[in-house]
Amino acid sequence: MLISVVMPVKNAAGTVLKAVQSILQQSINKLELIIIDDHSKDDSLAHIEAIGSPRIKYLSNQGKGIAAALTCIIH
């Protein structure tokens, strides 16, 4: 069974690396991390891309807010 973790992000360059690493280090083998960026204007995406994990799925939310970020994975 695949476990999906959803993490909305907005201007989180200072903390996103630690958060992503913490999630990916869990003992669950079949885990994917869906990161939904709400139009960050800092280096959040660069930090996420630097990890280079195939378990990370990245979506852009175009600045529509946290509620829209969480519902965009449903559509």
PDB file of N, CA and C in Angstrom:
ATOM      1  N   MET A   1       0.838  -1.173   0.000  1.00  0.00           N
ATOM      2  CA  MET A   1       0.000   0.000   0.000  1.00  0.00           C
ATOM      3  C   MET A   1       0.888   1.244   0.000  1.00  0.00           C
ATOM      4  N   LEU A   2       0.533   2.216  -0.824  1.00  0.00           N
ATOM      5  CA  LEU A   2       1.272   3.475  -0.912  1.00  0.00           C
ATOM      6  C   LEU A   2       0.659   4.488   0.053  1.00  0.00           C
ATOM      7  N   ILE A   3       1.506   5.114   0.848  1.00  0.00           N
ATOM      8  CA  ILE A   3       1.096   6.182   1.755  1.00  0.00           C
ATOM      9  C   ILE A   3       1.481   7.510   1.123  1.00  0.00           C
ATOM     10  N   SER A   4       0.527   8.433   1.042  1.00  0.00           N
ATOM     11  CA  SER A   4       0.786   9.762   0.501  1.00  0.00           C
ATOM     12  C   SER A   4       0.743  10.785   1.625  1.00  0.00           C
ATOM     13  N   VAL A   5       1.794  11.587   1.711  1.00  0.00           N
ATOM     14  CA  VAL A   5       1.855  12.682   2.666  1.00  0.00           C
ATOM     15  C   VAL A   5       1.742  13.966   1.865  1.00  0.00           C
ATOM     16  N   VAL A   6       0.805  14.824   2.240  1.00  0.00           N
ATOM     17  CA  VAL A   6       0.585  16.086   1.535  1.00  0.00           C
ATOM     18  C   VAL A   6       1.123  17.220   2.404  1.00  0.00           C
ATOM     19  N   MET A   7       1.969  18.050   1.781  1.00  0.00           N
ATOM     20  CA  MET A   7       2.568  19.160   2.517  1.00  0.00           C
ATOM     21  C   MET A   7       2.431  20.454   1.711  1.00  0.00           C
ATOM     22  N   PRO A   8       1.538  21.363   2.140  1.00  0.00           N
ATOM     23  CA  PRO A   8       1.482  22.669   1.488  1.00  0.00           C
ATOM     24  C   PRO A   8       2.687  23.508   1.912  1.00  0.00           C
ATOM     25  N   VAL A   9       3.207  24.300   0.984  1.00  0.00           N
ATOM     26  CA  VAL A   9       4.403  25.111   1.238  1.00  0.00           C
ATOM     27  C   VAL A   9       4.190  26.515   0.672  1.00  0.00           C
ATOM     28  N   LYS A  10       4.596  27.519   1.447  1.00  0.00           N
ATOM     29  CA  LYS A  10       4.628  28.890   0.929  1.00  0.00           C
ATOM     30  C   LYS A  10       5.756  29.631   1.633  1.00  0.00           C
ATOM     31  N   ASN A  11       6.724  30.050   0.859  1.00  0.00           N
ATOM     32  CA  ASN A  11       7.870  30.810   1.373  1.00  0.00           C
ATOM     33  C   ASN A  11       8.484  30.128   2.600  1.00  0.00           C
ATOM     34  N   ALA A  12       8.845  28.872   2.432  1.00  0.00           N
ATOM     35  CA  ALA A  12       9.353  28.074   3.548  1.00  0.00           C
ATOM     36  C   ALA A  12      10.802  27.640   3.344  1.00  0.00           C
ATOM     37  N   ALA A  13      11.578  28.441   2.630  1.00  0.00           N
ATOM     38  CA  ALA A  13      12.956  28.057   2.319  1.00  0.00           C
ATOM     39  C   ALA A  13      13.767  27.735   3.568  1.00  0.00           C
ATOM     40  N   GLY A  14      13.478  28.392   4.668  1.00  0.00           N
ATOM     41  CA  GLY A  14      14.245  28.181   5.888  1.00  0.00           C
ATOM     42  C   GLY A  14      13.938  26.876   6.600  1.00  0.00           C
ATOM     43  N   THR A  15      12.780  26.281   6.316  1.00  0.00           N
ATOM     44  CA  THR A  15      12.373  25.073   7.047  1.00  0.00           C
ATOM     45  C   THR A  15      12.020  23.883   6.170  1.00  0.00           C
ATOM     46  N   VAL A  16      11.806  24.106   4.885  1.00  0.00           N
ATOM     47  CA  VAL A  16      11.289  23.037   4.027  1.00  0.00           C
ATOM     48  C   VAL A  16      12.251  21.858   3.907  1.00  0.00           C
ATOM     49  N   LEU A  17      13.530  22.098   3.854  1.00  0.00           N
ATOM     50  CA  LEU A  17      14.502  21.012   3.713  1.00  0.00           C
ATOM     51  C   LEU A  17      14.415  20.054   4.896  1.00  0.00           C
ATOM     52  N   LYS A  18      14.403  20.583   6.093  1.00  0.00           N
ATOM     53  CA  LYS A  18      14.329  19.754   7.297  1.00  0.00           C
ATOM     54  C   LYS A  18      13.007  18.992   7.350  1.00  0.00           C
ATOM     55  N   ALA A  19      11.915  19.652   6.980  1.00  0.00           N
ATOM     56  CA  ALA A  19      10.602  18.998   6.996  1.00  0.00           C
ATOM     57  C   ALA A  19      10.542  17.849   5.997  1.00  0.00           C
ATOM     58  N   VAL A  20      11.033  18.081   4.781  1.00  0.00           N
ATOM     59  CA  VAL A  20      11.016  17.046   3.746  1.00  0.00           C
ATOM     60  C   VAL A  20      11.902  15.871   4.158  1.00  0.00           C
ATOM     61  N   GLN A  21      13.078  16.141   4.648  1.00  0.00           N
ATOM     62  CA  GLN A  21      13.975  15.074   5.082  1.00  0.00           C
ATOM     63  C   GLN A  21      13.345  14.250   6.196  1.00  0.00           C
ATOM     64  N   SER A  22      12.674  14.890   7.115  1.00  0.00           N
ATOM     65  CA  SER A  22      12.016  14.187   8.210  1.00  0.00           C
ATOM     66  C   SER A  22      10.946  13.227   7.683  1.00  0.00           C
ATOM     67  N   ILE A  23      10.173  13.684   6.732  1.00  0.00           N
ATOM     68  CA  ILE A  23       9.121  12.835   6.157  1.00  0.00           C
ATOM     69  C   ILE A  23       9.733  11.665   5.393  1.00  0.00           C
ATOM     70  N   LEU A  24      10.733  11.928   4.578  1.00  0.00           N
ATOM     71  CA  LEU A  24      11.333  10.869   3.765  1.00  0.00           C
ATOM     72  C   LEU A  24      12.124   9.858   4.588  1.00  0.00           C
ATOM     73  N   GLN A  25      12.518  10.198   5.800  1.00  0.00           N
ATOM     74  CA  GLN A  25      13.271   9.285   6.650  1.00  0.00           C
ATOM     75  C   GLN A  25      12.375   8.349   7.461  1.00  0.00           C
ATOM     76  N   GLN A  26      11.092   8.434   7.281  1.00  0.00           N
ATOM     77  CA  GLN A  26      10.186   7.539   8.005  1.00  0.00           C
ATOM     78  C   GLN A  26      10.440   6.096   7.584  1.00  0.00           C
ATOM     79  N   SER A  27      10.077   5.165   8.424  1.00  0.00           N
ATOM     80  CA  SER A  27      10.362   3.747   8.171  1.00  0.00           C
ATOM     81  C   SER A  27       9.427   3.121   7.142  1.00  0.00           C
ATOM     82  N   ILE A  28       8.450   3.859   6.677  1.00  0.00           N
ATOM     83  CA  ILE A  28       7.520   3.347   5.665  1.00  0.00           C
ATOM     84  C   ILE A  28       8.222   3.352   4.314  1.00  0.00           C
ATOM     85  N   ASN A  29       8.301   2.194   3.678  1.00  0.00           N
ATOM     86  CA  ASN A  29       8.999   2.091   2.390  1.00  0.00           C
ATOM     87  C   ASN A  29       8.197   2.688   1.244  1.00  0.00           C
ATOM     88  N   LYS A  30       6.923   2.440   1.207  1.00  0.00           N
ATOM     89  CA  LYS A  30       6.089   2.917   0.108  1.00  0.00           C
ATOM     90  C   LYS A  30       5.412   4.220   0.513  1.00  0.00           C
ATOM     91  N   LEU A  31       6.174   5.284   0.427  1.00  0.00           N
ATOM     92  CA  LEU A  31       5.703   6.596   0.834  1.00  0.00           C
ATOM     93  C   LEU A  31       6.017   7.596  -0.266  1.00  0.00           C
ATOM     94  N   GLU A  32       5.038   8.423  -0.601  1.00  0.00           N
ATOM     95  CA  GLU A  32       5.279   9.525  -1.527  1.00  0.00           C
ATOM     96  C   GLU A  32       4.955  10.820  -0.796  1.00  0.00           C
ATOM     97  N   LEU A  33       5.663  11.853  -1.152  1.00  0.00           N
ATOM     98  CA  LEU A  33       5.452  13.175  -0.562  1.00  0.00           C
ATOM     99  C   LEU A  33       4.950  14.097  -1.657  1.00  0.00           C
ATOM    100  N   ILE A  34       3.747  14.590  -1.487  1.00  0.00           N
ATOM    101  CA  ILE A  34       3.157  15.527  -2.442  1.00  0.00           C
ATOM    102  C   ILE A  34       3.299  16.917  -1.847  1.00  0.00           C
ATOM    103  N   ILE A  35       4.126  17.732  -2.475  1.00  0.00           N
ATOM    104  CA  ILE A  35       4.351  19.100  -2.015  1.00  0.00           C
ATOM    105  C   ILE A  35       3.578  20.037  -2.928  1.00  0.00           C
ATOM    106  N   ILE A  36       2.729  20.847  -2.321  1.00  0.00           N
ATOM    107  CA  ILE A  36       1.926  21.799  -3.082  1.00  0.00           C
ATOM    108  C   ILE A  36       2.392  23.199  -2.709  1.00  0.00           C
ATOM    109  N   ASP A  37       3.027  23.849  -3.651  1.00  0.00           N
ATOM    110  CA  ASP A  37       3.576  25.181  -3.417  1.00  0.00           C
ATOM    111  C   ASP A  37       2.532  26.242  -3.747  1.00  0.00           C
ATOM    112  N   ASP A  38       2.302  27.142  -2.806  1.00  0.00           N
ATOM    113  CA  ASP A  38       1.326  28.218  -2.982  1.00  0.00           C
ATOM    114  C   ASP A  38       2.019  29.495  -3.445  1.00  0.00           C
ATOM    115  N   HIS A  39       2.724  29.380  -4.563  1.00  0.00           N
ATOM    116  CA  HIS A  39       3.376  30.519  -5.225  1.00  0.00           C
ATOM    117  C   HIS A  39       4.450  31.173  -4.344  1.00  0.00           C
ATOM    118  N   SER A  40       5.367  30.346  -3.847  1.00  0.00           N
ATOM    119  CA  SER A  40       6.472  30.858  -3.030  1.00  0.00           C
ATOM    120  C   SER A  40       7.317  31.836  -3.821  1.00  0.00           C
ATOM    121  N   LYS A  41       7.805  32.856  -3.131  1.00  0.00           N
ATOM    122  CA  LYS A  41       8.661  33.859  -3.769  1.00  0.00           C
ATOM    123  C   LYS A  41      10.072  33.798  -3.220  1.00  0.00           C
ATOM    124  N   ASP A  42      10.393  32.699  -2.546  1.00  0.00           N
ATOM    125  CA  ASP A  42      11.747  32.506  -2.031  1.00  0.00           C
ATOM    126  C   ASP A  42      12.360  31.274  -2.718  1.00  0.00           C
ATOM    127  N   ASP A  43      13.341  30.662  -2.109  1.00  0.00           N
ATOM    128  CA  ASP A  43      14.035  29.525  -2.713  1.00  0.00           C
ATOM    129  C   ASP A  43      13.467  28.175  -2.285  1.00  0.00           C
ATOM    130  N   SER A  44      12.211  28.121  -1.903  1.00  0.00           N
ATOM    131  CA  SER A  44      11.615  26.859  -1.459  1.00  0.00           C
ATOM    132  C   SER A  44      11.764  25.760  -2.508  1.00  0.00           C
ATOM    133  N   LEU A  45      11.424  26.060  -3.754  1.00  0.00           N
ATOM    134  CA  LEU A  45      11.502  25.053  -4.815  1.00  0.00           C
ATOM    135  C   LEU A  45      12.930  24.567  -5.012  1.00  0.00           C
ATOM    136  N   ALA A  46      13.889  25.446  -4.966  1.00  0.00           N
ATOM    137  CA  ALA A  46      15.295  25.041  -5.133  1.00  0.00           C
ATOM    138  C   ALA A  46      15.720  24.057  -4.045  1.00  0.00           C
ATOM    139  N   HIS A  47      15.273  24.296  -2.820  1.00  0.00           N
ATOM    140  CA  HIS A  47      15.599  23.386  -1.717  1.00  0.00           C
ATOM    141  C   HIS A  47      14.951  22.022  -1.929  1.00  0.00           C
ATOM    142  N   ILE A  48      13.720  22.017  -2.410  1.00  0.00           N
ATOM    143  CA  ILE A  48      13.006  20.769  -2.674  1.00  0.00           C
ATOM    144  C   ILE A  48      13.674  20.001  -3.804  1.00  0.00           C
ATOM    145  N   GLU A  49      13.998  20.690  -4.886  1.00  0.00           N
ATOM    146  CA  GLU A  49      14.642  20.041  -6.029  1.00  0.00           C
ATOM    147  C   GLU A  49      16.020  19.495  -5.680  1.00  0.00           C
ATOM    148  N   ALA A  50      16.725  20.141  -4.767  1.00  0.00           N
ATOM    149  CA  ALA A  50      18.068  19.708  -4.384  1.00  0.00           C
ATOM    150  C   ALA A  50      18.049  18.333  -3.715  1.00  0.00           C
ATOM    151  N   ILE A  51      16.939  17.962  -3.123  1.00  0.00           N
ATOM    152  CA  ILE A  51      16.829  16.648  -2.480  1.00  0.00           C
ATOM    153  C   ILE A  51      16.876  15.547  -3.529  1.00  0.00           C
ATOM    154  N   GLY A  52      16.233  15.766  -4.653  1.00  0.00           N
ATOM    155  CA  GLY A  52      16.317  14.835  -5.777  1.00  0.00           C
ATOM    156  C   GLY A  52      15.686  13.472  -5.543  1.00  0.00           C
ATOM    157  N   SER A  53      14.650  13.410  -4.739  1.00  0.00           N
ATOM    158  CA  SER A  53      14.010  12.129  -4.470  1.00  0.00           C
ATOM    159  C   SER A  53      12.878  11.867  -5.450  1.00  0.00           C
ATOM    160  N   PRO A  54      12.836  10.663  -6.019  1.00  0.00           N
ATOM    161  CA  PRO A  54      11.718  10.325  -6.911  1.00  0.00           C
ATOM    162  C   PRO A  54      10.399  10.159  -6.147  1.00  0.00           C
ATOM    163  N   ARG A  55      10.470  10.127  -4.833  1.00  0.00           N
ATOM    164  CA  ARG A  55       9.249   9.990  -4.029  1.00  0.00           C
ATOM    165  C   ARG A  55       8.541  11.324  -3.834  1.00  0.00           C
ATOM    166  N   ILE A  56       9.165  12.425  -4.276  1.00  0.00           N
ATOM    167  CA  ILE A  56       8.552  13.749  -4.141  1.00  0.00           C
ATOM    168  C   ILE A  56       7.800  14.095  -5.420  1.00  0.00           C
ATOM    169  N   LYS A  57       6.536  14.452  -5.242  1.00  0.00           N
ATOM    170  CA  LYS A  57       5.714  14.976  -6.333  1.00  0.00           C
ATOM    171  C   LYS A  57       5.478  16.444  -6.015  1.00  0.00           C
ATOM    172  N   TYR A  58       5.713  17.312  -6.989  1.00  0.00           N
ATOM    173  CA  TYR A  58       5.618  18.755  -6.758  1.00  0.00           C
ATOM    174  C   TYR A  58       4.504  19.338  -7.615  1.00  0.00           C
ATOM    175  N   LEU A  59       3.614  20.075  -6.982  1.00  0.00           N
ATOM    176  CA  LEU A  59       2.538  20.763  -7.680  1.00  0.00           C
ATOM    177  C   LEU A  59       2.586  22.238  -7.338  1.00  0.00           C
ATOM    178  N   SER A  60       2.222  23.086  -8.290  1.00  0.00           N
ATOM    179  CA  SER A  60       2.157  24.521  -8.048  1.00  0.00           C
ATOM    180  C   SER A  60       0.699  24.934  -7.949  1.00  0.00           C
ATOM    181  N   ASN A  61       0.408  25.762  -6.951  1.00  0.00           N
ATOM    182  CA  ASN A  61      -0.962  26.179  -6.684  1.00  0.00           C
ATOM    183  C   ASN A  61      -1.263  27.598  -7.163  1.00  0.00           C
ATOM    184  N   GLN A  62      -0.278  28.298  -7.677  1.00  0.00           N
ATOM    185  CA  GLN A  62      -0.465  29.637  -8.249  1.00  0.00           C
ATOM    186  C   GLN A  62      -1.038  30.667  -7.283  1.00  0.00           C
ATOM    187  N   GLY A  63      -0.743  30.560  -5.985  1.00  0.00           N
ATOM    188  CA  GLY A  63      -1.136  31.580  -5.026  1.00  0.00           C
ATOM    189  C   GLY A  63      -2.604  31.624  -4.682  1.00  0.00           C
ATOM    190  N   LYS A  64      -3.265  30.480  -4.687  1.00  0.00           N
ATOM    191  CA  LYS A  64      -4.701  30.445  -4.411  1.00  0.00           C
ATOM    192  C   LYS A  64      -5.038  30.210  -2.942  1.00  0.00           C
ATOM    193  N   GLY A  65      -4.033  30.018  -2.091  1.00  0.00           N
ATOM    194  CA  GLY A  65      -4.286  29.826  -0.668  1.00  0.00           C
ATOM    195  C   GLY A  65      -4.204  28.384  -0.219  1.00  0.00           C
ATOM    196  N   ILE A  66      -4.154  28.201   1.094  1.00  0.00           N
ATOM    197  CA  ILE A  66      -3.952  26.871   1.680  1.00  0.00           C
ATOM    198  C   ILE A  66      -5.114  25.923   1.395  1.00  0.00           C
ATOM    199  N   ALA A  67      -6.349  26.407   1.461  1.00  0.00           N
ATOM    200  CA  ALA A  67      -7.497  25.528   1.205  1.00  0.00           C
ATOM    201  C   ALA A  67      -7.457  24.998  -0.226  1.00  0.00           C
ATOM    202  N   ALA A  68      -7.155  25.856  -1.173  1.00  0.00           N
ATOM    203  CA  ALA A  68      -7.057  25.422  -2.565  1.00  0.00           C
ATOM    204  C   ALA A  68      -5.872  24.491  -2.764  1.00  0.00           C
ATOM    205  N   ALA A  69      -4.802  24.723  -2.029  1.00  0.00           N
ATOM    206  CA  ALA A  69      -3.632  23.856  -2.130  1.00  0.00           C
ATOM    207  C   ALA A  69      -3.987  22.432  -1.732  1.00  0.00           C
ATOM    208  N   LEU A  70      -4.755  22.292  -0.677  1.00  0.00           N
ATOM    209  CA  LEU A  70      -5.123  20.960  -0.222  1.00  0.00           C
ATOM    210  C   LEU A  70      -6.166  20.304  -1.107  1.00  0.00           C
ATOM    211  N   THR A  71      -7.000  21.070  -1.774  1.00  0.00           N
ATOM    212  CA  THR A  71      -8.000  20.468  -2.643  1.00  0.00           C
ATOM    213  C   THR A  71      -7.488  20.219  -4.044  1.00  0.00           C
ATOM    214  N   CYS A  72      -6.364  20.789  -4.427  1.00  0.00           N
ATOM    215  CA  CYS A  72      -5.883  20.613  -5.805  1.00  0.00           C
ATOM    216  C   CYS A  72      -5.431  19.180  -6.081  1.00  0.00           C
ATOM    217  N   ILE A  73      -5.133  18.396  -5.056  1.00  0.00           N
ATOM    218  CA  ILE A  73      -4.734  17.010  -5.310  1.00  0.00           C
ATOM    219  C   ILE A  73      -5.943  16.136  -5.594  1.00  0.00           C
ATOM    220  N   ILE A  74      -7.131  16.612  -5.285  1.00  0.00           N
ATOM    221  CA  ILE A  74      -8.352  15.839  -5.514  1.00  0.00           C
ATOM    222  C   ILE A  74      -8.768  15.915  -6.981  1.00  0.00           C
ATOM    223  N   HIS A  75      -8.517  17.026  -7.601  1.00  0.00           N
ATOM    224  CA  HIS A  75      -8.967  17.246  -8.985  1.00  0.00           C
ATOM    225  C   HIS A  75      -8.041  16.645  -9.986  1.00  0.00           C
TER     226      HIS A  75
END
